[in-house]
Amino acid sequence: MYVTYTVAMRPHGPHHRSGRRRGVGRSRHRRDDGSWSVAARLERFTEPVVLAILRDGSAHGYDLAESLREWVPDEQIDLGNLYRMLRSMEDEGIVRSEWSDNAPGRAKRTYELTAEGEILLDAWVRSLRSTNTTIARFLQEYGDDKEGTT
């Protein structure tokens, strides 16, 4: 079964790429050979991972980035985005930071989880467990014997 849809295409400023459809997800792309490339992304998954890392102890931003690479090896870690997220979480009272100059080299900001951050991490865990159940149910319905790799 084929589903066809029409999407109005309008230029969106100087960075608009001709032919790009508005509203088409970044996580799926049609390849030149007609097959699909799909990246099952967990949007905002970086936040609960950072909270889980900080639950085990304070860390510098660069150390957090390295740990994130271990947790989510297929994702590119943008340090600028990570620091903006940390600053936002600090503004919300989820993490706190202080400058530390006891390590070799220049002073670094050390982040640690607050009590509010612990509560948020628990909420993330509940949400991810629910999502995990939904995904497991989908995969079971789809059939575990189908690999889906092409």
N, C-alpha and C. Protein backbone atom coordinates (compact mmCIF):
# COMPACT_ATOMS: atom_id res chain seq x y z
N MET A 1 0.84 -1.17 0.00
CA MET A 1 0.00 0.00 0.00
C MET A 1 0.89 1.24 0.00
N TYR A 2 0.57 2.19 -0.84
CA TYR A 2 1.33 3.43 -0.92
C TYR A 2 0.46 4.57 -0.43
N VAL A 3 1.08 5.44 0.33
CA VAL A 3 0.40 6.63 0.80
C VAL A 3 1.03 7.81 0.10
N THR A 4 0.22 8.62 -0.54
CA THR A 4 0.76 9.81 -1.17
C THR A 4 0.24 11.02 -0.43
N TYR A 5 1.05 12.02 -0.39
CA TYR A 5 0.63 13.25 0.25
C TYR A 5 1.28 14.41 -0.47
N THR A 6 0.65 15.54 -0.38
CA THR A 6 1.16 16.75 -0.99
C THR A 6 1.49 17.73 0.11
N VAL A 7 2.66 18.31 0.01
CA VAL A 7 3.07 19.28 0.99
C VAL A 7 3.41 20.56 0.26
N ALA A 8 2.83 21.66 0.69
CA ALA A 8 3.16 22.94 0.08
C ALA A 8 4.59 23.29 0.43
N MET A 9 5.36 23.66 -0.58
CA MET A 9 6.76 24.00 -0.35
C MET A 9 6.92 25.50 -0.56
N ARG A 10 7.49 26.16 0.45
CA ARG A 10 7.75 27.58 0.38
C ARG A 10 9.18 27.84 0.81
N PRO A 11 9.83 28.80 0.21
CA PRO A 11 11.18 29.15 0.66
C PRO A 11 11.13 29.71 2.09
N HIS A 12 12.14 29.41 2.87
CA HIS A 12 12.22 29.87 4.25
C HIS A 12 13.53 30.60 4.49
N GLY A 13 13.73 31.69 3.83
CA GLY A 13 14.91 32.50 4.07
C GLY A 13 16.11 32.04 3.25
N PRO A 14 17.29 32.60 3.55
CA PRO A 14 18.48 32.37 2.73
C PRO A 14 19.03 30.95 2.81
N HIS A 15 18.63 30.18 3.83
CA HIS A 15 19.17 28.83 3.98
C HIS A 15 18.23 27.76 3.45
N HIS A 16 17.15 28.16 2.79
CA HIS A 16 16.19 27.20 2.26
C HIS A 16 16.84 26.38 1.15
N ARG A 17 16.63 25.08 1.22
CA ARG A 17 17.13 24.19 0.18
C ARG A 17 15.97 23.85 -0.74
N SER A 18 16.12 24.12 -1.99
CA SER A 18 15.06 23.84 -2.95
C SER A 18 14.73 22.36 -2.94
N GLY A 19 13.45 22.05 -2.94
CA GLY A 19 13.03 20.65 -3.00
C GLY A 19 12.81 20.01 -1.65
N ARG A 20 13.17 20.66 -0.59
CA ARG A 20 12.98 20.10 0.75
C ARG A 20 11.53 20.29 1.16
N ARG A 21 10.90 19.24 1.62
CA ARG A 21 9.51 19.31 2.01
C ARG A 21 9.38 19.71 3.46
N ARG A 22 8.49 20.63 3.69
CA ARG A 22 8.24 21.08 5.05
C ARG A 22 7.45 20.01 5.78
N GLY A 23 7.84 19.74 7.02
CA GLY A 23 7.09 18.79 7.84
C GLY A 23 7.58 17.36 7.74
N VAL A 24 8.54 17.07 6.89
CA VAL A 24 9.07 15.71 6.79
C VAL A 24 10.12 15.54 7.88
N GLY A 25 10.00 14.47 8.67
CA GLY A 25 10.89 14.25 9.81
C GLY A 25 12.34 14.11 9.42
N ARG A 26 13.21 14.62 10.30
CA ARG A 26 14.65 14.49 10.08
C ARG A 26 15.12 13.06 10.25
N SER A 27 14.32 12.25 10.90
CA SER A 27 14.77 10.91 11.23
C SER A 27 14.58 9.92 10.09
N ARG A 28 13.97 10.33 9.01
CA ARG A 28 13.81 9.42 7.88
C ARG A 28 14.10 10.15 6.58
N HIS A 29 14.78 9.44 5.68
CA HIS A 29 15.15 10.03 4.40
C HIS A 29 15.06 8.96 3.32
N ARG A 30 14.57 9.34 2.16
CA ARG A 30 14.52 8.43 1.02
C ARG A 30 15.87 8.47 0.34
N ARG A 31 16.49 7.31 0.16
CA ARG A 31 17.77 7.22 -0.52
C ARG A 31 17.56 7.31 -2.02
N ASP A 32 18.64 7.56 -2.76
CA ASP A 32 18.55 7.66 -4.21
C ASP A 32 18.04 6.37 -4.85
N ASP A 33 18.33 5.21 -4.22
CA ASP A 33 17.88 3.94 -4.78
C ASP A 33 16.43 3.61 -4.42
N GLY A 34 15.75 4.52 -3.72
CA GLY A 34 14.35 4.31 -3.38
C GLY A 34 14.13 3.69 -2.01
N SER A 35 15.18 3.19 -1.37
CA SER A 35 15.03 2.60 -0.04
C SER A 35 15.00 3.72 1.01
N TRP A 36 14.62 3.35 2.23
CA TRP A 36 14.53 4.31 3.30
C TRP A 36 15.71 4.19 4.26
N SER A 37 16.18 5.32 4.72
CA SER A 37 17.16 5.38 5.79
C SER A 37 16.43 5.97 7.00
N VAL A 38 16.38 5.21 8.09
CA VAL A 38 15.67 5.65 9.28
C VAL A 38 16.61 5.62 10.48
N ALA A 39 16.62 6.71 11.23
CA ALA A 39 17.38 6.78 12.47
C ALA A 39 16.37 6.95 13.59
N ALA A 40 16.16 5.90 14.35
CA ALA A 40 15.21 5.96 15.47
C ALA A 40 15.84 6.80 16.56
N ARG A 41 15.42 8.06 16.60
CA ARG A 41 16.02 9.02 17.53
C ARG A 41 15.17 9.16 18.78
N LEU A 42 15.82 9.30 19.88
CA LEU A 42 15.15 9.62 21.14
C LEU A 42 15.44 11.08 21.42
N GLU A 43 14.52 11.92 21.01
CA GLU A 43 14.70 13.35 21.23
C GLU A 43 14.83 13.63 22.72
N ARG A 44 15.72 14.50 23.05
CA ARG A 44 15.94 14.93 24.44
C ARG A 44 16.49 13.83 25.34
N PHE A 45 16.99 12.74 24.78
CA PHE A 45 17.53 11.64 25.59
C PHE A 45 18.81 12.07 26.31
N THR A 46 19.47 13.09 25.79
CA THR A 46 20.68 13.59 26.42
C THR A 46 20.42 14.03 27.85
N GLU A 47 19.27 14.66 28.08
CA GLU A 47 18.98 15.18 29.43
C GLU A 47 18.95 14.08 30.49
N PRO A 48 18.17 13.00 30.30
CA PRO A 48 18.17 11.98 31.35
C PRO A 48 19.53 11.30 31.50
N VAL A 49 20.28 11.19 30.42
CA VAL A 49 21.60 10.57 30.52
C VAL A 49 22.52 11.45 31.36
N VAL A 50 22.50 12.75 31.12
CA VAL A 50 23.31 13.68 31.92
C VAL A 50 22.91 13.60 33.39
N LEU A 51 21.61 13.56 33.66
CA LEU A 51 21.15 13.45 35.04
C LEU A 51 21.64 12.16 35.68
N ALA A 52 21.59 11.06 34.93
CA ALA A 52 22.05 9.76 35.46
C ALA A 52 23.55 9.79 35.73
N ILE A 53 24.31 10.43 34.85
CA ILE A 53 25.76 10.52 35.06
C ILE A 53 26.05 11.34 36.32
N LEU A 54 25.35 12.46 36.47
CA LEU A 54 25.58 13.33 37.63
C LEU A 54 25.07 12.71 38.92
N ARG A 55 24.12 11.76 38.83
CA ARG A 55 23.66 11.07 40.03
C ARG A 55 24.82 10.32 40.68
N ASP A 56 25.77 9.87 39.86
CA ASP A 56 26.92 9.12 40.37
C ASP A 56 28.04 10.02 40.88
N GLY A 57 27.91 11.34 40.69
CA GLY A 57 28.93 12.27 41.18
C GLY A 57 29.08 13.46 40.26
N SER A 58 29.70 14.49 40.75
CA SER A 58 29.88 15.72 39.97
C SER A 58 30.83 15.47 38.80
N ALA A 59 30.70 16.33 37.78
CA ALA A 59 31.54 16.17 36.59
C ALA A 59 31.69 17.51 35.88
N HIS A 60 32.78 17.65 35.15
CA HIS A 60 33.01 18.79 34.28
C HIS A 60 32.25 18.57 32.98
N GLY A 61 31.98 19.64 32.25
CA GLY A 61 31.26 19.55 30.99
C GLY A 61 31.90 18.61 30.00
N TYR A 62 33.23 18.69 29.85
CA TYR A 62 33.90 17.82 28.88
C TYR A 62 33.80 16.36 29.30
N ASP A 63 33.89 16.09 30.61
CA ASP A 63 33.73 14.71 31.10
C ASP A 63 32.32 14.21 30.81
N LEU A 64 31.32 15.09 30.95
CA LEU A 64 29.95 14.71 30.62
C LEU A 64 29.83 14.35 29.14
N ALA A 65 30.47 15.13 28.29
CA ALA A 65 30.43 14.85 26.85
C ALA A 65 31.04 13.49 26.55
N GLU A 66 32.16 13.18 27.19
CA GLU A 66 32.80 11.88 26.98
C GLU A 66 31.90 10.74 27.45
N SER A 67 31.27 10.91 28.60
CA SER A 67 30.36 9.88 29.11
C SER A 67 29.15 9.73 28.18
N LEU A 68 28.65 10.84 27.66
CA LEU A 68 27.52 10.78 26.73
C LEU A 68 27.87 9.96 25.49
N ARG A 69 29.10 10.12 25.01
CA ARG A 69 29.54 9.36 23.83
C ARG A 69 29.51 7.85 24.10
N GLU A 70 29.77 7.47 25.35
CA GLU A 70 29.70 6.05 25.71
C GLU A 70 28.25 5.57 25.78
N TRP A 71 27.35 6.40 26.32
CA TRP A 71 25.94 6.04 26.47
C TRP A 71 25.22 6.03 25.12
N VAL A 72 25.53 7.00 24.27
CA VAL A 72 24.84 7.16 22.99
C VAL A 72 25.89 7.29 21.89
N PRO A 73 26.55 6.17 21.54
CA PRO A 73 27.70 6.25 20.63
C PRO A 73 27.34 6.70 19.21
N ASP A 74 26.09 6.53 18.79
CA ASP A 74 25.72 6.90 17.42
C ASP A 74 25.32 8.36 17.28
N GLU A 75 25.24 9.07 18.39
CA GLU A 75 24.85 10.48 18.36
C GLU A 75 26.08 11.37 18.41
N GLN A 76 26.05 12.45 17.65
CA GLN A 76 27.11 13.45 17.70
C GLN A 76 26.84 14.37 18.88
N ILE A 77 27.81 14.54 19.75
CA ILE A 77 27.64 15.40 20.92
C ILE A 77 28.15 16.79 20.58
N ASP A 78 27.26 17.75 20.60
CA ASP A 78 27.60 19.14 20.33
C ASP A 78 27.86 19.81 21.69
N LEU A 79 29.11 20.19 21.95
CA LEU A 79 29.47 20.78 23.24
C LEU A 79 28.70 22.07 23.52
N GLY A 80 28.47 22.88 22.49
CA GLY A 80 27.72 24.11 22.68
C GLY A 80 26.31 23.82 23.17
N ASN A 81 25.65 22.84 22.55
CA ASN A 81 24.30 22.46 22.98
C ASN A 81 24.32 21.88 24.39
N LEU A 82 25.34 21.09 24.69
CA LEU A 82 25.45 20.50 26.02
C LEU A 82 25.57 21.59 27.09
N TYR A 83 26.44 22.57 26.85
CA TYR A 83 26.61 23.65 27.83
C TYR A 83 25.35 24.51 27.94
N ARG A 84 24.64 24.74 26.83
CA ARG A 84 23.38 25.48 26.91
C ARG A 84 22.35 24.71 27.72
N MET A 85 22.30 23.38 27.53
CA MET A 85 21.37 22.55 28.29
C MET A 85 21.72 22.59 29.78
N LEU A 86 23.00 22.48 30.10
CA LEU A 86 23.44 22.54 31.50
C LEU A 86 23.08 23.89 32.13
N ARG A 87 23.28 24.96 31.39
CA ARG A 87 22.96 26.30 31.92
C ARG A 87 21.45 26.41 32.16
N SER A 88 20.66 25.90 31.24
CA SER A 88 19.21 25.93 31.39
C SER A 88 18.78 25.09 32.60
N MET A 89 19.37 23.91 32.75
CA MET A 89 19.04 23.07 33.90
C MET A 89 19.47 23.74 35.20
N GLU A 90 20.57 24.47 35.16
CA GLU A 90 21.00 25.19 36.36
C GLU A 90 20.01 26.30 36.69
N ASP A 91 19.53 27.01 35.67
CA ASP A 91 18.54 28.07 35.88
C ASP A 91 17.26 27.51 36.50
N GLU A 92 16.94 26.26 36.20
CA GLU A 92 15.72 25.63 36.72
C GLU A 92 15.94 24.92 38.06
N GLY A 93 17.18 24.92 38.56
CA GLY A 93 17.48 24.30 39.84
C GLY A 93 17.66 22.79 39.77
N ILE A 94 17.88 22.26 38.57
CA ILE A 94 18.03 20.82 38.37
C ILE A 94 19.47 20.38 38.65
N VAL A 95 20.41 21.24 38.27
CA VAL A 95 21.83 21.01 38.58
C VAL A 95 22.37 22.30 39.18
N ARG A 96 23.51 22.19 39.83
CA ARG A 96 24.21 23.38 40.30
C ARG A 96 25.67 23.23 39.86
N SER A 97 26.34 24.35 39.77
CA SER A 97 27.73 24.29 39.33
C SER A 97 28.59 25.23 40.15
N GLU A 98 29.87 24.95 40.11
CA GLU A 98 30.85 25.85 40.73
C GLU A 98 32.15 25.71 39.96
N TRP A 99 32.92 26.78 40.02
CA TRP A 99 34.22 26.76 39.35
C TRP A 99 35.21 25.98 40.21
N SER A 100 36.00 25.15 39.54
CA SER A 100 36.99 24.34 40.24
C SER A 100 38.34 24.59 39.57
N ASP A 101 39.32 24.95 40.36
CA ASP A 101 40.66 25.16 39.80
C ASP A 101 41.69 24.24 40.43
N ASN A 102 41.20 23.15 41.08
CA ASN A 102 42.14 22.23 41.72
C ASN A 102 42.69 21.18 40.76
N ALA A 103 42.18 21.12 39.53
CA ALA A 103 42.69 20.18 38.53
C ALA A 103 43.77 20.88 37.71
N PRO A 104 44.65 20.10 37.08
CA PRO A 104 45.67 20.73 36.24
C PRO A 104 45.02 21.50 35.09
N GLY A 105 45.67 22.55 34.65
CA GLY A 105 45.12 23.36 33.56
C GLY A 105 44.26 24.48 34.10
N ARG A 106 43.44 25.02 33.22
CA ARG A 106 42.62 26.16 33.63
C ARG A 106 41.42 25.73 34.45
N ALA A 107 40.78 26.68 35.10
CA ALA A 107 39.61 26.40 35.94
C ALA A 107 38.48 25.83 35.10
N LYS A 108 37.73 24.92 35.70
CA LYS A 108 36.62 24.27 35.00
C LYS A 108 35.38 24.35 35.88
N ARG A 109 34.23 24.40 35.21
CA ARG A 109 32.96 24.41 35.93
C ARG A 109 32.57 22.96 36.20
N THR A 110 32.28 22.67 37.46
CA THR A 110 31.86 21.34 37.87
C THR A 110 30.36 21.35 38.13
N TYR A 111 29.66 20.37 37.59
CA TYR A 111 28.21 20.27 37.73
C TYR A 111 27.86 19.13 38.66
N GLU A 112 26.79 19.33 39.44
CA GLU A 112 26.28 18.27 40.30
C GLU A 112 24.76 18.32 40.31
N LEU A 113 24.16 17.18 40.59
CA LEU A 113 22.72 17.03 40.61
C LEU A 113 22.15 17.59 41.91
N THR A 114 21.02 18.28 41.82
CA THR A 114 20.33 18.78 43.01
C THR A 114 19.21 17.80 43.38
N ALA A 115 18.54 18.05 44.49
CA ALA A 115 17.39 17.23 44.88
C ALA A 115 16.30 17.30 43.82
N GLU A 116 16.10 18.49 43.25
CA GLU A 116 15.12 18.66 42.17
C GLU A 116 15.53 17.84 40.95
N GLY A 117 16.82 17.76 40.69
CA GLY A 117 17.33 16.95 39.58
C GLY A 117 17.05 15.47 39.80
N GLU A 118 17.17 15.01 41.05
CA GLU A 118 16.85 13.61 41.39
C GLU A 118 15.38 13.31 41.09
N ILE A 119 14.50 14.26 41.46
CA ILE A 119 13.07 14.08 41.21
C ILE A 119 12.81 14.02 39.70
N LEU A 120 13.47 14.90 38.95
CA LEU A 120 13.32 14.91 37.49
C LEU A 120 13.84 13.61 36.88
N LEU A 121 14.98 13.12 37.36
CA LEU A 121 15.53 11.86 36.85
C LEU A 121 14.54 10.72 37.09
N ASP A 122 13.93 10.66 38.25
CA ASP A 122 12.92 9.64 38.52
C ASP A 122 11.76 9.73 37.53
N ALA A 123 11.34 10.96 37.21
CA ALA A 123 10.26 11.15 36.24
C ALA A 123 10.68 10.67 34.86
N TRP A 124 11.94 10.95 34.47
CA TRP A 124 12.46 10.48 33.19
C TRP A 124 12.45 8.95 33.15
N VAL A 125 12.87 8.32 34.24
CA VAL A 125 12.93 6.85 34.29
C VAL A 125 11.53 6.27 34.10
N ARG A 126 10.54 6.83 34.79
CA ARG A 126 9.16 6.35 34.62
C ARG A 126 8.71 6.51 33.17
N SER A 127 8.98 7.66 32.57
CA SER A 127 8.59 7.91 31.19
C SER A 127 9.30 6.97 30.22
N LEU A 128 10.60 6.77 30.42
CA LEU A 128 11.37 5.88 29.54
C LEU A 128 10.92 4.43 29.68
N ARG A 129 10.56 4.02 30.89
CA ARG A 129 10.03 2.66 31.08
C ARG A 129 8.73 2.48 30.31
N SER A 130 7.88 3.48 30.35
CA SER A 130 6.62 3.43 29.61
C SER A 130 6.88 3.37 28.10
N THR A 131 7.81 4.20 27.63
CA THR A 131 8.19 4.20 26.21
C THR A 131 8.78 2.86 25.82
N ASN A 132 9.61 2.30 26.70
CA ASN A 132 10.23 1.00 26.44
C ASN A 132 9.15 -0.08 26.29
N THR A 133 8.13 -0.03 27.14
CA THR A 133 7.04 -1.00 27.06
C THR A 133 6.31 -0.86 25.73
N THR A 134 6.06 0.37 25.32
CA THR A 134 5.38 0.62 24.04
C THR A 134 6.22 0.11 22.87
N ILE A 135 7.50 0.37 22.89
CA ILE A 135 8.38 -0.09 21.81
C ILE A 135 8.46 -1.61 21.80
N ALA A 136 8.58 -2.23 22.97
CA ALA A 136 8.63 -3.70 23.05
C ALA A 136 7.35 -4.30 22.49
N ARG A 137 6.22 -3.69 22.82
CA ARG A 137 4.94 -4.18 22.31
C ARG A 137 4.89 -4.05 20.78
N PHE A 138 5.38 -2.94 20.26
CA PHE A 138 5.44 -2.75 18.80
C PHE A 138 6.31 -3.81 18.15
N LEU A 139 7.51 -4.03 18.70
CA LEU A 139 8.43 -5.03 18.13
C LEU A 139 7.86 -6.43 18.21
N GLN A 140 7.16 -6.73 19.29
CA GLN A 140 6.53 -8.04 19.42
C GLN A 140 5.44 -8.20 18.35
N GLU A 141 4.65 -7.17 18.15
CA GLU A 141 3.58 -7.23 17.14
C GLU A 141 4.18 -7.32 15.74
N TYR A 142 5.25 -6.59 15.51
CA TYR A 142 5.91 -6.60 14.21
C TYR A 142 6.52 -7.96 13.95
N GLY A 143 7.05 -8.55 14.98
CA GLY A 143 7.67 -9.87 14.85
C GLY A 143 9.15 -9.80 15.07
N ASP A 144 9.61 -10.48 16.09
CA ASP A 144 11.04 -10.48 16.41
C ASP A 144 11.87 -11.17 15.35
N ASP A 145 11.24 -12.01 14.53
CA ASP A 145 11.99 -12.74 13.52
C ASP A 145 12.31 -11.88 12.32
N LYS A 146 11.72 -10.70 12.21
CA LYS A 146 12.00 -9.81 11.07
C LYS A 146 13.08 -8.84 11.49
N GLU A 147 14.19 -8.91 10.80
CA GLU A 147 15.32 -8.05 11.15
C GLU A 147 15.13 -6.62 10.68
N GLY A 148 14.50 -6.44 9.52
CA GLY A 148 14.27 -5.08 9.02
C GLY A 148 15.51 -4.39 8.53
N THR A 149 16.56 -5.13 8.23
CA THR A 149 17.79 -4.50 7.72
C THR A 149 17.88 -4.70 6.24
N THR A 150 18.10 -3.63 5.56
CA THR A 150 18.32 -3.66 4.11
C THR A 150 19.38 -2.72 3.73
